[in-house]
Amino acid sequence: MRLILNLLVFFLVVGLTQSCVSKKKYDELVAAKEATDRALAETQEQVKQLQEEKDALAAEMESEKARLNGEIQNIKSQLDATKNEVANVKKELTATEKELEDLRMQIDGIFNKYKESGLSLENRDGQLFVVTKSPVNYNSGSYRVDSDERSAIAELAEKLKANPELTILVEGHTDDQKVKEGASYADNWELGYKRAMSIVNRLLKEGVNANQVSAVTRGDTQPVGDNDSADGRSENRRSVVKPHVELGNLIKN
């Protein structure tokens, strides 16, 4: 009987011990599951946030791509427009050079037969200059032109009247010699102006419109010859006729 009681107590103790171990293990498993659930929830939230960031970046990239494509297209359009402008400028330049050459030939034809008297035509940086620089043109202190020059100026007047859109500037130049006492002008500035006006007045007498001509003096500020020599000073006693033209509308004949 005692043996039976001892066995019952033993089995009871063992059962209670096993029951206690199972409860602890269960609590541990429950705690582990809860921790796993929390970790899963956090991971899912992170995945959600990363997906949202990915979608936002993709949208931003598409927007930036569209913006860049628009800028590229705009640059292409500007480049095409610039190329067209360059082509037009080249075309206009070619036409301008031809018209300038036509004008040079016209004016050169007028003055060719008078070159022996000192008149010449020069092309300086794309502008035409009719230059008078022979010593017979202006003696020292003089502003008179000779008969050959007057004939050339008369023919120039006809060309101006035939081309009313052509305007000219007449420049008067002097050497650096001091003005003699009793002269009809105060200084070389006034002498240069008188030389320019001697040509302007003759053009006006020939019927040229006053709006087509103007005069300016350069005095002795723009020498082309050496003022220390007689020949150089004679070169500096000159008048320059400088055409100003709208070349596209000039040539009529």
C-alpha atoms as a PDB file:
ATOM      1  CA  MET A   1       0.000   0.000   0.000  1.00  0.00           C
ATOM      2  CA  ARG A   2       2.831   2.352   0.887  1.00  0.00           C
ATOM      3  CA  LEU A   3       4.454   1.503  -2.419  1.00  0.00           C
ATOM      4  CA  ILE A   4       1.338   2.402  -4.278  1.00  0.00           C
ATOM      5  CA  LEU A   5       1.108   5.742  -2.470  1.00  0.00           C
ATOM      6  CA  ASN A   6       4.731   6.543  -3.247  1.00  0.00           C
ATOM      7  CA  LEU A   7       4.178   5.806  -6.896  1.00  0.00           C
ATOM      8  CA  LEU A   8       1.124   8.061  -6.987  1.00  0.00           C
ATOM      9  CA  VAL A   9       3.072  10.885  -5.359  1.00  0.00           C
ATOM     10  CA  PHE A  10       5.924  10.348  -7.819  1.00  0.00           C
ATOM     11  CA  PHE A  11       3.669  10.456 -10.842  1.00  0.00           C
ATOM     12  CA  LEU A  12       1.856  13.498  -9.457  1.00  0.00           C
ATOM     13  CA  VAL A  13       5.125  15.351  -8.982  1.00  0.00           C
ATOM     14  CA  VAL A  14       6.287  14.386 -12.457  1.00  0.00           C
ATOM     15  CA  GLY A  15       2.976  15.519 -13.945  1.00  0.00           C
ATOM     16  CA  LEU A  16       3.117  18.818 -12.148  1.00  0.00           C
ATOM     17  CA  THR A  17       6.700  19.331 -13.285  1.00  0.00           C
ATOM     18  CA  GLN A  18       5.818  18.618 -16.889  1.00  0.00           C
ATOM     19  CA  SER A  19       2.834  20.944 -16.669  1.00  0.00           C
ATOM     20  CA  CYS A  20       5.049  23.787 -15.415  1.00  0.00           C
ATOM     21  CA  VAL A  21       7.608  23.262 -18.189  1.00  0.00           C
ATOM     22  CA  SER A  22       4.944  23.340 -20.941  1.00  0.00           C
ATOM     23  CA  LYS A  23       3.445  26.655 -19.679  1.00  0.00           C
ATOM     24  CA  LYS A  24       6.827  28.370 -19.682  1.00  0.00           C
ATOM     25  CA  LYS A  25       7.599  27.093 -23.145  1.00  0.00           C
ATOM     26  CA  TYR A  26       4.225  28.266 -24.340  1.00  0.00           C
ATOM     27  CA  ASP A  27       4.776  31.758 -22.950  1.00  0.00           C
ATOM     28  CA  GLU A  28       8.150  31.879 -24.653  1.00  0.00           C
ATOM     29  CA  LEU A  29       6.621  30.849 -27.932  1.00  0.00           C
ATOM     30  CA  VAL A  30       3.867  33.428 -27.582  1.00  0.00           C
ATOM     31  CA  ALA A  31       6.426  36.141 -26.875  1.00  0.00           C
ATOM     32  CA  ALA A  32       8.533  35.020 -29.835  1.00  0.00           C
ATOM     33  CA  LYS A  33       5.470  35.090 -32.101  1.00  0.00           C
ATOM     34  CA  GLU A  34       4.534  38.571 -30.963  1.00  0.00           C
ATOM     35  CA  ALA A  35       8.102  39.787 -31.591  1.00  0.00           C
ATOM     36  CA  THR A  36       8.014  38.144 -35.017  1.00  0.00           C
ATOM     37  CA  ASP A  37       4.667  39.780 -35.771  1.00  0.00           C
ATOM     38  CA  ARG A  38       6.041  43.181 -34.781  1.00  0.00           C
ATOM     39  CA  ALA A  39       9.161  42.663 -36.886  1.00  0.00           C
ATOM     40  CA  LEU A  40       7.002  41.603 -39.827  1.00  0.00           C
ATOM     41  CA  ALA A  41       4.776  44.640 -39.419  1.00  0.00           C
ATOM     42  CA  GLU A  42       7.820  46.941 -39.289  1.00  0.00           C
ATOM     43  CA  THR A  43       9.318  45.246 -42.332  1.00  0.00           C
ATOM     44  CA  GLN A  44       6.057  45.570 -44.232  1.00  0.00           C
ATOM     45  CA  GLU A  45       5.894  49.261 -43.312  1.00  0.00           C
ATOM     46  CA  GLN A  46       9.471  49.749 -44.523  1.00  0.00           C
ATOM     47  CA  VAL A  47       8.633  47.937 -47.764  1.00  0.00           C
ATOM     48  CA  LYS A  48       5.608  50.200 -48.188  1.00  0.00           C
ATOM     49  CA  GLN A  49       7.703  53.327 -47.597  1.00  0.00           C
ATOM     50  CA  LEU A  50      10.402  52.140 -49.979  1.00  0.00           C
ATOM     51  CA  GLN A  51       7.774  51.423 -52.640  1.00  0.00           C
ATOM     52  CA  GLU A  52       6.312  54.921 -52.189  1.00  0.00           C
ATOM     53  CA  GLU A  53       9.804  56.448 -52.481  1.00  0.00           C
ATOM     54  CA  LYS A  54      10.458  54.333 -55.572  1.00  0.00           C
ATOM     55  CA  ASP A  55       7.184  55.473 -57.151  1.00  0.00           C
ATOM     56  CA  ALA A  56       7.965  59.113 -56.277  1.00  0.00           C
ATOM     57  CA  LEU A  57      11.460  58.849 -57.794  1.00  0.00           C
ATOM     58  CA  ALA A  58      10.054  57.216 -60.926  1.00  0.00           C
ATOM     59  CA  ALA A  59       7.510  60.024 -61.316  1.00  0.00           C
ATOM     60  CA  GLU A  60      10.214  62.641 -60.728  1.00  0.00           C
ATOM     61  CA  MET A  61      12.450  60.970 -63.301  1.00  0.00           C
ATOM     62  CA  GLU A  62       9.648  60.960 -65.864  1.00  0.00           C
ATOM     63  CA  SER A  63       8.987  64.633 -65.166  1.00  0.00           C
ATOM     64  CA  GLU A  64      12.688  65.501 -65.457  1.00  0.00           C
ATOM     65  CA  LYS A  65      12.955  63.433 -68.629  1.00  0.00           C
ATOM     66  CA  ALA A  66      10.023  65.323 -70.134  1.00  0.00           C
ATOM     67  CA  ARG A  67      11.593  68.656 -69.089  1.00  0.00           C
ATOM     68  CA  LEU A  68      14.982  67.732 -70.564  1.00  0.00           C
ATOM     69  CA  ASN A  69      13.359  66.519 -73.767  1.00  0.00           C
ATOM     70  CA  GLY A  70      11.546  69.839 -73.989  1.00  0.00           C
ATOM     71  CA  GLU A  71      14.797  71.772 -73.474  1.00  0.00           C
ATOM     72  CA  ILE A  72      16.571  69.623 -76.056  1.00  0.00           C
ATOM     73  CA  GLN A  73      13.794  70.267 -78.545  1.00  0.00           C
ATOM     74  CA  ASN A  74      13.936  73.989 -77.791  1.00  0.00           C
ATOM     75  CA  ILE A  75      17.729  74.015 -78.311  1.00  0.00           C
ATOM     76  CA  LYS A  76      17.283  72.160 -81.595  1.00  0.00           C
ATOM     77  CA  SER A  77      14.720  74.722 -82.713  1.00  0.00           C
ATOM     78  CA  GLN A  78      17.026  77.584 -81.760  1.00  0.00           C
ATOM     79  CA  LEU A  79      19.927  75.895 -83.547  1.00  0.00           C
ATOM     80  CA  ASP A  80      17.839  75.455 -86.685  1.00  0.00           C
ATOM     81  CA  ALA A  81      16.765  79.101 -86.514  1.00  0.00           C
ATOM     82  CA  THR A  82      20.381  80.200 -86.062  1.00  0.00           C
ATOM     83  CA  LYS A  83      21.466  78.096 -89.026  1.00  0.00           C
ATOM     84  CA  ASN A  84      18.750  79.733 -91.117  1.00  0.00           C
ATOM     85  CA  GLU A  85      19.879  83.176 -89.974  1.00  0.00           C
ATOM     86  CA  VAL A  86      23.491  82.377 -90.847  1.00  0.00           C
ATOM     87  CA  ALA A  87      22.415  81.120 -94.260  1.00  0.00           C
ATOM     88  CA  ASN A  88      20.384  84.282 -94.834  1.00  0.00           C
ATOM     89  CA  VAL A  89      23.275  86.495 -93.732  1.00  0.00           C
ATOM     90  CA  LYS A  90      25.646  84.653 -96.080  1.00  0.00           C
ATOM     91  CA  LYS A  91      23.142  85.059 -98.895  1.00  0.00           C
ATOM     92  CA  GLU A  92      22.727  88.768 -98.154  1.00  0.00           C
ATOM     93  CA  LEU A  93      26.495  89.189 -97.873  1.00  0.00           C
ATOM     94  CA  THR A  94      26.994  87.584-101.272  1.00  0.00           C
ATOM     95  CA  ALA A  95      24.364  89.861-102.767  1.00  0.00           C
ATOM     96  CA  THR A  96      25.862  92.878-100.993  1.00  0.00           C
ATOM     97  CA  GLU A  97      29.345  92.109-102.304  1.00  0.00           C
ATOM     98  CA  LYS A  98      28.016  91.852-105.846  1.00  0.00           C
ATOM     99  CA  GLU A  99      26.052  95.098-105.526  1.00  0.00           C
ATOM    100  CA  LEU A 100      29.078  96.816-104.018  1.00  0.00           C
ATOM    101  CA  GLU A 101      31.177  95.650-106.955  1.00  0.00           C
ATOM    102  CA  ASP A 102      28.490  96.891-109.372  1.00  0.00           C
ATOM    103  CA  LEU A 103      28.550 100.264-107.636  1.00  0.00           C
ATOM    104  CA  ARG A 104      32.337 100.363-107.719  1.00  0.00           C
ATOM    105  CA  MET A 105      32.298  99.709-111.447  1.00  0.00           C
ATOM    106  CA  GLN A 106      29.708 102.432-111.994  1.00  0.00           C
ATOM    107  CA  ILE A 107      31.646 105.062-110.091  1.00  0.00           C
ATOM    108  CA  ASP A 108      34.978 103.825-111.419  1.00  0.00           C
ATOM    109  CA  GLY A 109      33.634 104.264-114.924  1.00  0.00           C
ATOM    110  CA  ILE A 110      32.903 107.907-114.160  1.00  0.00           C
ATOM    111  CA  PHE A 111      36.355 108.658-112.820  1.00  0.00           C
ATOM    112  CA  ASN A 112      38.551 106.450-115.009  1.00  0.00           C
ATOM    113  CA  LYS A 113      39.174 109.126-117.606  1.00  0.00           C
ATOM    114  CA  TYR A 114      40.071 111.629-114.917  1.00  0.00           C
ATOM    115  CA  LYS A 115      42.628 109.519-113.069  1.00  0.00           C
ATOM    116  CA  GLU A 116      45.434 111.365-114.795  1.00  0.00           C
ATOM    117  CA  SER A 117      44.319 114.444-112.881  1.00  0.00           C
ATOM    118  CA  GLY A 118      44.660 112.648-109.552  1.00  0.00           C
ATOM    119  CA  LEU A 119      41.203 111.203-108.855  1.00  0.00           C
ATOM    120  CA  SER A 120      41.056 107.562-107.734  1.00  0.00           C
ATOM    121  CA  LEU A 121      38.626 105.029-106.314  1.00  0.00           C
ATOM    122  CA  GLU A 122      39.549 103.011-103.241  1.00  0.00           C
ATOM    123  CA  ASN A 123      37.806 100.170-101.386  1.00  0.00           C
ATOM    124  CA  ARG A 124      38.465 100.466 -97.649  1.00  0.00           C
ATOM    125  CA  ASP A 125      36.902  97.851 -95.394  1.00  0.00           C
ATOM    126  CA  GLY A 126      33.955  97.325 -97.716  1.00  0.00           C
ATOM    127  CA  GLN A 127      33.279 101.046 -98.321  1.00  0.00           C
ATOM    128  CA  LEU A 128      34.022 102.980-101.482  1.00  0.00           C
ATOM    129  CA  PHE A 129      36.064 106.163-101.380  1.00  0.00           C
ATOM    130  CA  VAL A 130      36.552 108.546-104.304  1.00  0.00           C
ATOM    131  CA  VAL A 131      39.816 110.222-103.429  1.00  0.00           C
ATOM    132  CA  THR A 132      41.368 113.382-104.815  1.00  0.00           C
ATOM    133  CA  LYS A 133      45.004 113.688-103.851  1.00  0.00           C
ATOM    134  CA  SER A 134      47.032 115.125-106.743  1.00  0.00           C
ATOM    135  CA  PRO A 135      48.939 118.364-106.009  1.00  0.00           C
ATOM    136  CA  VAL A 136      46.884 120.097-108.696  1.00  0.00           C
ATOM    137  CA  ASN A 137      43.711 119.468-106.737  1.00  0.00           C
ATOM    138  CA  TYR A 138      44.571 121.815-103.925  1.00  0.00           C
ATOM    139  CA  ASN A 139      47.514 124.078-103.789  1.00  0.00           C
ATOM    140  CA  SER A 140      48.673 125.031-100.338  1.00  0.00           C
ATOM    141  CA  GLY A 141      45.909 127.028 -98.718  1.00  0.00           C
ATOM    142  CA  SER A 142      43.525 126.563-101.680  1.00  0.00           C
ATOM    143  CA  TYR A 143      40.097 125.015-101.832  1.00  0.00           C
ATOM    144  CA  ARG A 144      39.434 125.344-105.573  1.00  0.00           C
ATOM    145  CA  VAL A 145      39.075 122.356-107.945  1.00  0.00           C
ATOM    146  CA  ASP A 146      40.310 122.381-111.535  1.00  0.00           C
ATOM    147  CA  SER A 147      38.259 121.888-114.711  1.00  0.00           C
ATOM    148  CA  ASP A 148      38.823 118.126-115.011  1.00  0.00           C
ATOM    149  CA  GLU A 149      37.682 117.641-111.436  1.00  0.00           C
ATOM    150  CA  ARG A 150      34.637 119.830-112.024  1.00  0.00           C
ATOM    151  CA  SER A 151      33.706 117.637-115.010  1.00  0.00           C
ATOM    152  CA  ALA A 152      34.056 114.497-112.906  1.00  0.00           C
ATOM    153  CA  ILE A 153      31.959 116.050-110.153  1.00  0.00           C
ATOM    154  CA  ALA A 154      29.291 116.919-112.740  1.00  0.00           C
ATOM    155  CA  GLU A 155      29.099 113.278-113.801  1.00  0.00           C
ATOM    156  CA  LEU A 156      28.935 112.207-110.166  1.00  0.00           C
ATOM    157  CA  ALA A 157      26.018 114.614-109.770  1.00  0.00           C
ATOM    158  CA  GLU A 158      24.169 112.841-112.600  1.00  0.00           C
ATOM    159  CA  LYS A 159      24.674 109.497-110.882  1.00  0.00           C
ATOM    160  CA  LEU A 160      23.378 110.938-107.597  1.00  0.00           C
ATOM    161  CA  LYS A 161      20.301 112.364-109.298  1.00  0.00           C
ATOM    162  CA  ALA A 162      19.624 109.014-110.969  1.00  0.00           C
ATOM    163  CA  ASN A 163      19.916 107.248-107.595  1.00  0.00           C
ATOM    164  CA  PRO A 164      18.111 109.420-105.030  1.00  0.00           C
ATOM    165  CA  GLU A 165      18.648 106.803-102.307  1.00  0.00           C
ATOM    166  CA  LEU A 166      22.434 107.240-102.624  1.00  0.00           C
ATOM    167  CA  THR A 167      23.903 109.693-100.109  1.00  0.00           C
ATOM    168  CA  ILE A 168      27.483 110.861 -99.759  1.00  0.00           C
ATOM    169  CA  LEU A 169      29.708 112.475 -97.169  1.00  0.00           C
ATOM    170  CA  VAL A 170      32.448 114.784 -98.422  1.00  0.00           C
ATOM    171  CA  GLU A 171      35.489 115.001 -96.150  1.00  0.00           C
ATOM    172  CA  GLY A 172      37.939 117.904 -96.396  1.00  0.00           C
ATOM    173  CA  HIS A 173      41.587 117.369 -95.349  1.00  0.00           C
ATOM    174  CA  THR A 174      44.632 119.594 -95.042  1.00  0.00           C
ATOM    175  CA  ASP A 175      48.355 119.359 -94.400  1.00  0.00           C
ATOM    176  CA  ASP A 176      49.748 120.560 -91.068  1.00  0.00           C
ATOM    177  CA  GLN A 177      51.077 123.915 -92.290  1.00  0.00           C
ATOM    178  CA  LYS A 178      50.098 126.963 -90.289  1.00  0.00           C
ATOM    179  CA  VAL A 179      47.523 129.269 -91.798  1.00  0.00           C
ATOM    180  CA  LYS A 180      49.044 132.348 -93.411  1.00  0.00           C
ATOM    181  CA  GLU A 181      48.132 135.745 -92.093  1.00  0.00           C
ATOM    182  CA  GLY A 182      45.239 137.329 -94.000  1.00  0.00           C
ATOM    183  CA  ALA A 183      43.797 133.989 -95.189  1.00  0.00           C
ATOM    184  CA  SER A 184      40.019 133.725 -95.674  1.00  0.00           C
ATOM    185  CA  TYR A 185      39.804 130.997 -93.027  1.00  0.00           C
ATOM    186  CA  ALA A 186      40.865 130.882 -89.415  1.00  0.00           C
ATOM    187  CA  ASP A 187      42.627 127.497 -89.272  1.00  0.00           C
ATOM    188  CA  ASN A 188      43.049 124.126 -90.966  1.00  0.00           C
ATOM    189  CA  TRP A 189      39.695 122.976 -89.649  1.00  0.00           C
ATOM    190  CA  GLU A 190      37.943 125.747 -91.523  1.00  0.00           C
ATOM    191  CA  LEU A 191      40.119 125.181 -94.624  1.00  0.00           C
ATOM    192  CA  GLY A 192      39.162 121.481 -94.622  1.00  0.00           C
ATOM    193  CA  TYR A 193      35.509 122.446 -94.398  1.00  0.00           C
ATOM    194  CA  LYS A 194      35.831 124.873 -97.290  1.00  0.00           C
ATOM    195  CA  ARG A 195      37.420 122.127 -99.387  1.00  0.00           C
ATOM    196  CA  ALA A 196      34.546 119.777 -98.622  1.00  0.00           C
ATOM    197  CA  MET A 197      31.989 122.491 -99.294  1.00  0.00           C
ATOM    198  CA  SER A 198      33.578 123.401-102.626  1.00  0.00           C
ATOM    199  CA  ILE A 199      32.549 119.936-103.860  1.00  0.00           C
ATOM    200  CA  VAL A 200      29.162 119.971-102.103  1.00  0.00           C
ATOM    201  CA  ASN A 201      28.253 123.376-103.555  1.00  0.00           C
ATOM    202  CA  ARG A 202      29.170 122.244-107.074  1.00  0.00           C
ATOM    203  CA  LEU A 203      27.007 119.126-106.676  1.00  0.00           C
ATOM    204  CA  LEU A 204      24.100 121.266-105.492  1.00  0.00           C
ATOM    205  CA  LYS A 205      24.547 123.579-108.506  1.00  0.00           C
ATOM    206  CA  GLU A 206      24.322 120.517-110.709  1.00  0.00           C
ATOM    207  CA  GLY A 207      20.891 119.775-109.223  1.00  0.00           C
ATOM    208  CA  VAL A 208      21.702 117.166-106.576  1.00  0.00           C
ATOM    209  CA  ASN A 209      19.191 117.025-103.720  1.00  0.00           C
ATOM    210  CA  ALA A 210      20.624 118.622-100.579  1.00  0.00           C
ATOM    211  CA  ASN A 211      19.458 115.604 -98.553  1.00  0.00           C
ATOM    212  CA  GLN A 212      21.923 113.443-100.461  1.00  0.00           C
ATOM    213  CA  VAL A 213      25.081 115.340 -99.544  1.00  0.00           C
ATOM    214  CA  SER A 214      26.823 116.481 -96.387  1.00  0.00           C
ATOM    215  CA  ALA A 215      30.238 117.889 -95.585  1.00  0.00           C
ATOM    216  CA  VAL A 216      32.682 117.434 -92.735  1.00  0.00           C
ATOM    217  CA  THR A 217      36.195 118.661 -92.016  1.00  0.00           C
ATOM    218  CA  ARG A 218      39.013 116.500 -90.730  1.00  0.00           C
ATOM    219  CA  GLY A 219      41.564 119.309 -90.718  1.00  0.00           C
ATOM    220  CA  ASP A 220      45.080 117.898 -90.489  1.00  0.00           C
ATOM    221  CA  THR A 221      44.102 115.020 -88.175  1.00  0.00           C
ATOM    222  CA  GLN A 222      44.116 112.199 -90.758  1.00  0.00           C
ATOM    223  CA  PRO A 223      47.236 112.538 -92.923  1.00  0.00           C
ATOM    224  CA  VAL A 224      47.958 109.949 -95.584  1.00  0.00           C
ATOM    225  CA  GLY A 225      51.375 111.369 -96.455  1.00  0.00           C
ATOM    226  CA  ASP A 226      54.412 112.609 -94.561  1.00  0.00           C
ATOM    227  CA  ASN A 227      53.899 116.240 -93.579  1.00  0.00           C
ATOM    228  CA  ASP A 228      57.678 116.654 -93.394  1.00  0.00           C
ATOM    229  CA  SER A 229      57.944 116.426 -97.192  1.00  0.00           C
ATOM    230  CA  ALA A 230      56.395 118.482 -99.989  1.00  0.00           C
ATOM    231  CA  ASP A 231      55.011 115.395-101.709  1.00  0.00           C
ATOM    232  CA  GLY A 232      53.518 114.115 -98.448  1.00  0.00           C
ATOM    233  CA  ARG A 233      51.864 117.451 -97.722  1.00  0.00           C
ATOM    234  CA  SER A 234      50.378 117.538-101.235  1.00  0.00           C
ATOM    235  CA  GLU A 235      48.815 114.103-100.597  1.00  0.00           C
ATOM    236  CA  ASN A 236      47.255 115.423 -97.413  1.00  0.00           C
ATOM    237  CA  ARG A 237      45.627 118.367 -99.239  1.00  0.00           C
ATOM    238  CA  ARG A 238      42.687 116.320-100.445  1.00  0.00           C
ATOM    239  CA  SER A 239      38.975 115.718-100.408  1.00  0.00           C
ATOM    240  CA  VAL A 240      37.354 112.321 -99.901  1.00  0.00           C
ATOM    241  CA  VAL A 241      33.886 111.511-101.254  1.00  0.00           C
ATOM    242  CA  LYS A 242      32.440 108.674 -99.209  1.00  0.00           C
ATOM    243  CA  PRO A 243      29.235 107.057-100.489  1.00  0.00           C
ATOM    244  CA  HIS A 244      26.697 105.850 -97.927  1.00  0.00           C
ATOM    245  CA  VAL A 245      24.265 103.479 -99.584  1.00  0.00           C
ATOM    246  CA  GLU A 246      21.469 101.020 -98.956  1.00  0.00           C
ATOM    247  CA  LEU A 247      22.990  98.558-101.403  1.00  0.00           C
ATOM    248  CA  GLY A 248      19.857  96.478-101.839  1.00  0.00           C
ATOM    249  CA  ASN A 249      18.017  99.442-103.349  1.00  0.00           C
ATOM    250  CA  LEU A 250      20.901 101.182-105.089  1.00  0.00           C
ATOM    251  CA  ILE A 251      21.438  99.742-108.546  1.00  0.00           C
ATOM    252  CA  LYS A 252      18.782 100.997-110.950  1.00  0.00           C
ATOM    253  CA  ASN A 253      20.694 101.324-114.204  1.00  0.00           C
END
